[in-house]
């Protein structure tokens, strides 16, 4: 019984690793629109059974990056600058809805947000670790709204957003400013200043969209 549990856990890890790799290759344009992903070939490449590959392809389909084929496997839908902008626009609206819901609550605890923001200021963090904390901050922010549908929608788009952030690491050039912006967001929430909070969400995400657009254009050779 112990061995069976260990094997299932290992397959889960493999699926996560494969998912991250394929997602990154699609976002960076290494895997382009129309490219076919064959389960048996990917399983051989990664040295795993088809199960983890199938799980990864299913997750990619849920994220809109591939679509399954009747004959098995999947085909890459592709990724573009517009895809990235669409995701961040949806995120922007979701977080503004969350802000309105949180400010209307009787009890607001910003300590978890401040704790994450403090960790973001650490100099030794890798870009991936910083991206993880960035996502954690906004996940906690949306969770505070106590709206199941809002949270699930945000969780659906967050893995691709995180991957975009990691491959366009320029947005983390000034880490002190990034960390301070998150602290200010938490403080605006604490003071229930909705207009300031909305402005901060708009400013931060619009700035991020511009930086990401610039990096993706360079990555795709559009400059």
Protein backbone atom coordinates (compact mmCIF):
# COMPACT_ATOMS: atom_id res chain seq x y z
CA UNK A 1 0.00 0.00 0.00
CA UNK A 2 2.85 2.40 0.84
CA UNK A 3 4.51 1.73 -2.51
CA UNK A 4 1.29 2.45 -4.38
CA UNK A 5 0.92 5.81 -2.63
CA UNK A 6 4.55 6.66 -3.39
CA UNK A 7 4.07 5.81 -7.06
CA UNK A 8 0.96 7.96 -7.34
CA UNK A 9 2.80 10.87 -5.71
CA UNK A 10 5.74 10.43 -8.09
CA UNK A 11 3.44 10.44 -11.11
CA UNK A 12 1.86 13.64 -9.82
CA UNK A 13 5.27 15.30 -9.59
CA UNK A 14 6.20 14.16 -13.07
CA UNK A 15 2.94 15.50 -14.47
CA UNK A 16 3.60 18.88 -12.82
CA UNK A 17 7.14 19.04 -14.21
CA UNK A 18 6.01 18.08 -17.71
CA UNK A 19 3.16 20.58 -17.54
CA UNK A 20 5.49 23.42 -16.57
CA UNK A 21 7.97 22.54 -19.31
CA UNK A 22 5.37 22.27 -22.08
CA UNK A 23 3.58 25.41 -20.91
CA UNK A 24 6.84 27.37 -21.01
CA UNK A 25 7.71 26.05 -24.48
CA UNK A 26 4.31 27.12 -25.79
CA UNK A 27 4.50 30.60 -24.25
CA UNK A 28 8.04 31.19 -25.53
CA UNK A 29 7.11 30.03 -29.03
CA UNK A 30 9.29 26.91 -29.02
CA UNK A 31 6.10 24.94 -29.62
CA UNK A 32 4.06 26.79 -32.21
CA UNK A 33 0.44 26.64 -33.32
CA UNK A 34 -0.40 23.35 -35.00
CA UNK A 35 2.43 21.37 -33.43
CA UNK A 36 1.20 17.91 -32.46
CA UNK A 37 2.00 16.54 -29.03
CA UNK A 38 2.03 12.73 -29.09
CA UNK A 39 1.68 10.98 -25.74
CA UNK A 40 4.02 8.09 -26.57
CA UNK A 41 6.75 10.41 -27.88
CA UNK A 42 6.55 12.71 -24.87
CA UNK A 43 6.51 9.76 -22.47
CA UNK A 44 9.70 8.42 -24.07
CA UNK A 45 11.30 11.87 -24.02
CA UNK A 46 10.61 12.40 -20.33
CA UNK A 47 11.18 8.79 -19.34
CA UNK A 48 7.74 8.33 -17.80
CA UNK A 49 4.56 6.39 -18.49
CA UNK A 50 1.77 7.95 -20.53
CA UNK A 51 -0.23 8.78 -17.38
CA UNK A 52 1.72 11.90 -16.35
CA UNK A 53 1.86 13.07 -19.97
CA UNK A 54 -1.89 12.65 -20.35
CA UNK A 55 -2.46 14.61 -17.12
CA UNK A 56 -0.20 17.42 -18.34
CA UNK A 57 -1.95 17.62 -21.72
CA UNK A 58 -5.35 17.71 -20.02
CA UNK A 59 -4.22 20.63 -17.83
CA UNK A 60 -2.87 22.48 -20.88
CA UNK A 61 -6.23 22.02 -22.59
CA UNK A 62 -7.99 23.48 -19.55
CA UNK A 63 -5.65 26.48 -19.84
CA UNK A 64 -6.52 26.88 -23.53
CA UNK A 65 -2.98 26.23 -24.77
CA UNK A 66 -3.74 22.96 -26.61
CA UNK A 67 -6.78 21.06 -27.82
CA UNK A 68 -7.14 17.30 -27.73
CA UNK A 69 -7.21 15.24 -30.91
CA UNK A 70 -9.68 12.39 -31.59
CA UNK A 71 -6.73 10.17 -32.50
CA UNK A 72 -5.05 10.87 -29.16
CA UNK A 73 -2.55 13.41 -27.95
CA UNK A 74 -3.08 17.11 -28.51
CA UNK A 75 -2.34 19.98 -30.86
CA UNK A 76 -0.81 23.27 -29.76
CA UNK A 77 -3.18 26.21 -30.08
CA UNK A 78 -0.29 28.65 -29.79
CA UNK A 79 0.38 31.74 -27.73
CA UNK A 80 0.71 35.39 -28.64
CA UNK A 81 1.01 38.85 -27.21
CA UNK A 82 -2.80 39.14 -27.40
CA UNK A 83 -3.23 35.96 -25.35
CA UNK A 84 -1.06 37.47 -22.61
CA UNK A 85 -2.90 40.80 -22.67
CA UNK A 86 -6.27 39.03 -22.54
CA UNK A 87 -5.21 37.10 -19.44
CA UNK A 88 -3.99 40.18 -17.61
CA UNK A 89 -7.13 42.11 -18.55
CA UNK A 90 -9.27 39.36 -16.99
CA UNK A 91 -7.01 39.32 -13.93
CA UNK A 92 -7.37 43.10 -13.63
CA UNK A 93 -11.17 42.89 -13.59
CA UNK A 94 -11.17 39.96 -11.14
CA UNK A 95 -8.94 41.78 -8.66
CA UNK A 96 -11.00 44.96 -8.83
CA UNK A 97 -14.12 42.93 -8.08
CA UNK A 98 -12.24 41.31 -5.19
CA UNK A 99 -11.26 44.76 -3.89
CA UNK A 100 -14.88 45.91 -3.83
CA UNK A 101 -15.99 42.76 -2.00
CA UNK A 102 -13.19 42.91 0.58
CA UNK A 103 -13.67 46.60 1.42
CA UNK A 104 -17.35 45.88 2.10
CA UNK A 105 -16.47 43.24 4.70
CA UNK A 106 -16.62 44.06 8.40
CA UNK A 107 -13.27 42.46 9.24
CA UNK A 108 -10.14 42.90 7.13
CA UNK A 109 -6.88 41.21 8.13
CA UNK A 110 -3.95 42.29 5.99
CA UNK A 111 -1.22 40.53 8.00
CA UNK A 112 -0.96 37.59 5.56
CA UNK A 113 -0.53 40.03 2.67
CA UNK A 114 2.13 42.03 4.51
CA UNK A 115 4.00 38.83 5.39
CA UNK A 116 4.18 37.82 1.72
CA UNK A 117 5.19 41.34 0.68
CA UNK A 118 8.00 41.28 3.24
CA UNK A 119 9.31 38.01 1.81
CA UNK A 120 9.29 39.55 -1.67
CA UNK A 121 11.94 42.07 -0.59
CA UNK A 122 14.54 39.36 0.10
CA UNK A 123 17.53 39.75 -2.22
CA UNK A 124 18.39 36.05 -2.53
CA UNK A 125 15.13 35.05 -4.19
CA UNK A 126 15.27 33.61 -7.69
CA UNK A 127 12.93 35.01 -10.35
CA UNK A 128 10.79 31.89 -10.03
CA UNK A 129 10.58 32.22 -6.23
CA UNK A 130 9.63 35.87 -6.56
CA UNK A 131 6.98 35.01 -9.15
CA UNK A 132 5.60 32.39 -6.76
CA UNK A 133 5.33 34.97 -3.97
CA UNK A 134 3.76 37.48 -6.36
CA UNK A 135 1.10 34.94 -7.30
CA UNK A 136 0.64 33.95 -3.63
CA UNK A 137 0.00 37.59 -2.69
CA UNK A 138 -2.71 38.05 -5.29
CA UNK A 139 -4.19 34.63 -4.55
CA UNK A 140 -4.54 35.61 -0.89
CA UNK A 141 -5.98 38.97 -1.95
CA UNK A 142 -8.68 37.30 -4.06
CA UNK A 143 -9.31 34.65 -1.39
CA UNK A 144 -10.11 37.44 1.09
CA UNK A 145 -13.13 38.37 -1.05
CA UNK A 146 -14.75 35.11 0.06
CA UNK A 147 -16.30 34.47 -3.34
CA UNK A 148 -15.93 30.91 -4.57
CA UNK A 149 -16.53 31.61 -8.26
CA UNK A 150 -14.14 34.56 -8.27
CA UNK A 151 -11.40 32.52 -6.61
CA UNK A 152 -11.80 29.54 -8.95
CA UNK A 153 -11.69 31.78 -12.02
CA UNK A 154 -8.53 33.47 -10.74
CA UNK A 155 -6.91 30.10 -9.99
CA UNK A 156 -7.68 28.91 -13.53
CA UNK A 157 -5.66 31.68 -15.17
CA UNK A 158 -2.90 32.05 -12.56
CA UNK A 159 -0.58 29.18 -13.74
CA UNK A 160 -0.24 30.71 -17.21
CA UNK A 161 0.19 34.20 -15.74
CA UNK A 162 2.95 32.89 -13.49
CA UNK A 163 4.69 31.25 -16.45
CA UNK A 164 4.50 34.50 -18.44
CA UNK A 165 6.00 36.40 -15.51
CA UNK A 166 8.88 33.91 -15.20
CA UNK A 167 9.82 34.01 -18.89
CA UNK A 168 9.64 37.82 -18.96
CA UNK A 169 11.79 38.42 -15.89
CA UNK A 170 12.41 42.08 -16.67
CA UNK A 171 9.33 42.98 -14.64
CA UNK A 172 11.33 42.12 -11.51
CA UNK A 173 14.31 44.37 -12.23
CA UNK A 174 13.50 46.67 -9.30
CA UNK A 175 12.51 44.27 -6.55
CA UNK A 176 12.37 46.87 -3.80
CA UNK A 177 9.76 48.85 -5.72
CA UNK A 178 7.77 45.68 -6.45
CA UNK A 179 7.73 44.67 -2.77
CA UNK A 180 6.80 48.20 -1.67
CA UNK A 181 3.93 48.33 -4.16
CA UNK A 182 2.50 45.19 -2.61
CA UNK A 183 2.85 46.66 0.89
CA UNK A 184 1.01 49.79 -0.26
CA UNK A 185 -1.75 47.64 -1.75
CA UNK A 186 -2.22 45.91 1.60
CA UNK A 187 -2.27 49.25 3.43
CA UNK A 188 -4.84 50.71 1.03
CA UNK A 189 -6.98 47.65 1.68
CA UNK A 190 -6.55 48.05 5.43
CA UNK A 191 -7.70 51.67 5.26
CA UNK A 192 -10.68 50.66 3.08
CA UNK A 193 -9.69 53.26 0.50
CA UNK A 194 -11.38 51.63 -2.49
CA UNK A 195 -10.60 54.38 -5.01
CA UNK A 196 -6.89 54.25 -4.13
CA UNK A 197 -6.93 50.46 -4.22
CA UNK A 198 -8.53 50.40 -7.68
CA UNK A 199 -5.99 52.94 -8.96
CA UNK A 200 -3.13 50.84 -7.59
CA UNK A 201 -4.47 47.66 -9.18
CA UNK A 202 -4.86 49.45 -12.52
CA UNK A 203 -1.42 51.06 -12.35
CA UNK A 204 0.41 47.89 -11.32
CA UNK A 205 -1.25 45.60 -13.85
CA UNK A 206 -1.07 48.14 -16.70
CA UNK A 207 2.66 48.60 -16.01
CA UNK A 208 3.15 44.83 -15.93
CA UNK A 209 1.22 44.42 -19.20
CA UNK A 210 3.46 46.96 -20.94
CA UNK A 211 6.67 45.34 -19.69
CA UNK A 212 5.47 41.87 -20.64
CA UNK A 213 4.35 43.07 -24.07
CA UNK A 214 7.81 44.55 -24.71
CA UNK A 215 9.52 41.31 -23.66
CA UNK A 216 7.21 39.06 -25.67
CA UNK A 217 7.75 41.16 -28.80
CA UNK A 218 11.49 40.70 -28.42
CA UNK A 219 11.03 36.99 -27.74
CA UNK A 220 8.84 36.52 -30.81
CA UNK A 221 11.09 38.69 -32.98
CA UNK A 222 8.48 41.38 -33.54
CA UNK A 223 10.86 44.25 -32.82
